[in-house]
C-alpha atoms as a PDB file:
ATOM      1  CA  MET A   1       5.230   6.385  -8.034  1.00  0.00           C
ATOM      2  CA  LEU A   2       2.995   6.241  -4.996  1.00  0.00           C
ATOM      3  CA  GLN A   3       4.573   4.704  -1.906  1.00  0.00           C
ATOM      4  CA  ILE A   4       2.612   3.359   1.061  1.00  0.00           C
ATOM      5  CA  GLN A   5       4.351   2.453   4.295  1.00  0.00           C
ATOM      6  CA  LEU A   6       2.708  -0.162   6.502  1.00  0.00           C
ATOM      7  CA  GLY A   7       3.150  -0.215  10.252  1.00  0.00           C
ATOM      8  CA  ALA A   8       3.001  -3.284  12.468  1.00  0.00           C
ATOM      9  CA  GLU A   9       0.025  -5.608  12.056  1.00  0.00           C
ATOM     10  CA  ARG A  10      -3.048  -4.840  14.136  1.00  0.00           C
ATOM     11  CA  PRO A  11      -6.748  -5.788  14.064  1.00  0.00           C
ATOM     12  CA  ALA A  12      -8.920  -4.025  11.492  1.00  0.00           C
ATOM     13  CA  ASP A  13     -12.197  -2.364  12.412  1.00  0.00           C
ATOM     14  CA  PRO A  14     -15.031  -4.905  12.335  1.00  0.00           C
ATOM     15  CA  ASP A  15     -16.715  -2.826   9.612  1.00  0.00           C
ATOM     16  CA  ASP A  16     -13.635  -2.561   7.356  1.00  0.00           C
ATOM     17  CA  SER A  17     -15.103  -1.834   3.912  1.00  0.00           C
ATOM     18  CA  LEU A  18     -12.466  -4.005   2.190  1.00  0.00           C
ATOM     19  CA  GLY A  19     -13.346  -6.983   4.398  1.00  0.00           C
ATOM     20  CA  ARG A  20      -9.931  -7.173   6.052  1.00  0.00           C
ATOM     21  CA  THR A  21      -9.476  -8.640   9.528  1.00  0.00           C
ATOM     22  CA  THR A  22      -5.997  -7.175  10.055  1.00  0.00           C
ATOM     23  CA  LEU A  23      -4.070  -4.112   8.886  1.00  0.00           C
ATOM     24  CA  GLY A  24      -0.327  -3.551   8.630  1.00  0.00           C
ATOM     25  CA  TRP A  25       2.479  -5.988   7.962  1.00  0.00           C
ATOM     26  CA  HIS A  26       4.084  -8.942   9.676  1.00  0.00           C
ATOM     27  CA  PRO A  27       7.343 -10.807   8.990  1.00  0.00           C
ATOM     28  CA  GLY A  28       6.931 -13.402   6.253  1.00  0.00           C
ATOM     29  CA  MET A  29       3.985 -11.602   4.675  1.00  0.00           C
ATOM     30  CA  GLY A  30       3.403 -12.542   1.038  1.00  0.00           C
ATOM     31  CA  GLU A  31       2.952 -10.112  -1.838  1.00  0.00           C
ATOM     32  CA  GLU A  32      -0.816 -10.627  -2.101  1.00  0.00           C
ATOM     33  CA  GLU A  33      -1.263 -10.046   1.644  1.00  0.00           C
ATOM     34  CA  ALA A  34       0.854  -6.883   1.446  1.00  0.00           C
ATOM     35  CA  TRP A  35      -1.164  -5.590  -1.523  1.00  0.00           C
ATOM     36  CA  GLN A  36      -4.464  -6.190   0.291  1.00  0.00           C
ATOM     37  CA  ALA A  37      -3.157  -4.526   3.443  1.00  0.00           C
ATOM     38  CA  GLY A  38      -1.554  -1.614   1.631  1.00  0.00           C
ATOM     39  CA  ARG A  39      -4.050  -0.692  -1.088  1.00  0.00           C
ATOM     40  CA  GLY A  40      -6.396   1.097   1.293  1.00  0.00           C
ATOM     41  CA  ILE A  41      -8.069   2.740   2.996  1.00  0.00           C
ATOM     42  CA  TRP A  42      -6.221   6.071   2.985  1.00  0.00           C
ATOM     43  CA  LYS A  43      -6.634   9.805   2.804  1.00  0.00           C
ATOM     44  CA  PHE A  44      -4.836  10.966  -0.321  1.00  0.00           C
ATOM     45  CA  ASN A  45      -5.231  13.262  -3.292  1.00  0.00           C
ATOM     46  CA  ALA A  46      -7.249  11.130  -5.731  1.00  0.00           C
ATOM     47  CA  ASP A  47      -6.105  12.978  -8.862  1.00  0.00           C
ATOM     48  CA  ARG A  48      -2.482  12.818  -7.808  1.00  0.00           C
ATOM     49  CA  ALA A  49      -2.724   9.113  -6.966  1.00  0.00           C
ATOM     50  CA  LEU A  50      -4.361   8.351 -10.321  1.00  0.00           C
ATOM     51  CA  ALA A  51      -1.537  10.185 -12.101  1.00  0.00           C
ATOM     52  CA  GLN A  52       0.918   7.570 -10.759  1.00  0.00           C
ATOM     53  CA  ASP A  53       1.636   4.372 -12.697  1.00  0.00           C
ATOM     54  CA  GLU A  54       2.660   2.191  -9.759  1.00  0.00           C
ATOM     55  CA  VAL A  55       2.386   1.827  -6.025  1.00  0.00           C
ATOM     56  CA  GLN A  56       5.137   0.397  -3.870  1.00  0.00           C
ATOM     57  CA  ILE A  57       4.077  -1.083  -0.518  1.00  0.00           C
ATOM     58  CA  ILE A  58       6.910  -0.999   2.033  1.00  0.00           C
ATOM     59  CA  ASN A  59       7.331  -1.751   5.717  1.00  0.00           C
ATOM     60  CA  THR A  60       8.784   0.596   8.339  1.00  0.00           C
ATOM     61  CA  GLU A  61      12.239  -0.881   7.725  1.00  0.00           C
ATOM     62  CA  GLY A  62      12.079   0.253   4.082  1.00  0.00           C
ATOM     63  CA  THR A  63      11.743  -3.222   2.562  1.00  0.00           C
ATOM     64  CA  VAL A  64       9.512  -3.492  -0.502  1.00  0.00           C
ATOM     65  CA  LEU A  65       6.636  -5.884   0.232  1.00  0.00           C
ATOM     66  CA  ALA A  66       4.661  -5.541  -3.016  1.00  0.00           C
ATOM     67  CA  VAL A  67       4.480  -3.522  -6.227  1.00  0.00           C
ATOM     68  CA  ALA A  68       1.287  -2.993  -8.237  1.00  0.00           C
ATOM     69  CA  GLU A  69       0.131  -1.083 -11.293  1.00  0.00           C
ATOM     70  CA  ILE A  70      -2.579   1.445 -10.413  1.00  0.00           C
ATOM     71  CA  SER A  71      -5.709   1.180 -12.555  1.00  0.00           C
ATOM     72  CA  GLY A  72      -8.138   3.212 -10.448  1.00  0.00           C
ATOM     73  CA  ILE A  73      -9.435   4.054  -6.996  1.00  0.00           C
ATOM     74  CA  SER A  74     -12.583   3.341  -5.013  1.00  0.00           C
ATOM     75  CA  LYS A  75     -14.140   5.787  -2.561  1.00  0.00           C
ATOM     76  CA  HIS A  76     -14.836   4.758   1.025  1.00  0.00           C
ATOM     77  CA  GLY A  77     -16.408   7.715   2.825  1.00  0.00           C
ATOM     78  CA  ASP A  78     -13.775  10.461   2.851  1.00  0.00           C
ATOM     79  CA  ARG A  79     -10.986   7.997   2.071  1.00  0.00           C
ATOM     80  CA  TYR A  80      -9.835   5.899  -0.880  1.00  0.00           C
ATOM     81  CA  ALA A  81      -8.530   2.468  -1.781  1.00  0.00           C
ATOM     82  CA  LEU A  82      -6.329   1.720  -4.757  1.00  0.00           C
ATOM     83  CA  GLU A  83      -7.430  -0.627  -7.508  1.00  0.00           C
ATOM     84  CA  GLY A  84      -4.814  -2.289  -9.642  1.00  0.00           C
ATOM     85  CA  ASP A  85      -2.835  -5.333 -10.634  1.00  0.00           C
ATOM     86  CA  LEU A  86      -0.212  -6.843  -8.363  1.00  0.00           C
ATOM     87  CA  LEU A  87       3.096  -7.336 -10.170  1.00  0.00           C
ATOM     88  CA  HIS A  88       3.772 -10.853  -8.842  1.00  0.00           C
ATOM     89  CA  GLY A  89       7.474 -11.618  -8.508  1.00  0.00           C
ATOM     90  CA  ASP A  90       8.637  -8.048  -9.122  1.00  0.00           C
ATOM     91  CA  PRO A  91      12.417  -7.986  -8.540  1.00  0.00           C
ATOM     92  CA  ARG A  92      12.063  -5.029  -6.125  1.00  0.00           C
ATOM     93  CA  VAL A  93      10.135  -7.158  -3.611  1.00  0.00           C
ATOM     94  CA  GLY A  94      12.226  -8.192  -0.616  1.00  0.00           C
ATOM     95  CA  ARG A  95      14.839  -5.506  -1.287  1.00  0.00           C
ATOM     96  CA  PRO A  96      15.322  -2.110   0.334  1.00  0.00           C
ATOM     97  CA  THR A  97      13.438   0.625  -1.463  1.00  0.00           C
ATOM     98  CA  PRO A  98      15.740   2.968  -3.419  1.00  0.00           C
ATOM     99  CA  SER A  99      13.413   5.816  -2.360  1.00  0.00           C
ATOM    100  CA  PRO A 100      13.362   6.131   1.435  1.00  0.00           C
ATOM    101  CA  HIS A 101       9.982   7.087   2.897  1.00  0.00           C
ATOM    102  CA  LEU A 102      10.615  10.584   4.252  1.00  0.00           C
ATOM    103  CA  SER A 103       7.017  11.536   5.065  1.00  0.00           C
ATOM    104  CA  ARG A 104       5.435  11.119   8.476  1.00  0.00           C
ATOM    105  CA  ASN A 105       2.270  10.114   6.627  1.00  0.00           C
ATOM    106  CA  PRO A 106       1.902   6.534   5.396  1.00  0.00           C
ATOM    107  CA  VAL A 107       1.204   7.712   1.825  1.00  0.00           C
ATOM    108  CA  THR A 108       3.794   9.670  -0.174  1.00  0.00           C
ATOM    109  CA  TYR A 109       4.506  10.446  -3.805  1.00  0.00           C
ATOM    110  CA  ILE A 110       7.957   9.748  -5.207  1.00  0.00           C
END
């Protein structure tokens, strides 16, 4: 599983290639918002990311915000965004992740 940890919400660059106006998470964020914020744009090993079945988007407190199946990636300069299907209503959402995020980087492989 790929795990992406989101920091506090902040403005996105005006030229964000995914069309986002903000990045990060905020209290009360819905699953779709978390997926859009968390799916990109990151530096990661494309082959290793594609070898994962799922991605878990978490906040800095370790709460699962969204879970999605990975179906591909898109390239954005020297970085990537995940493509996939959000698993709406996954029972892991809203609960502490069973796999604490031990990396200093926002993207880790579990």
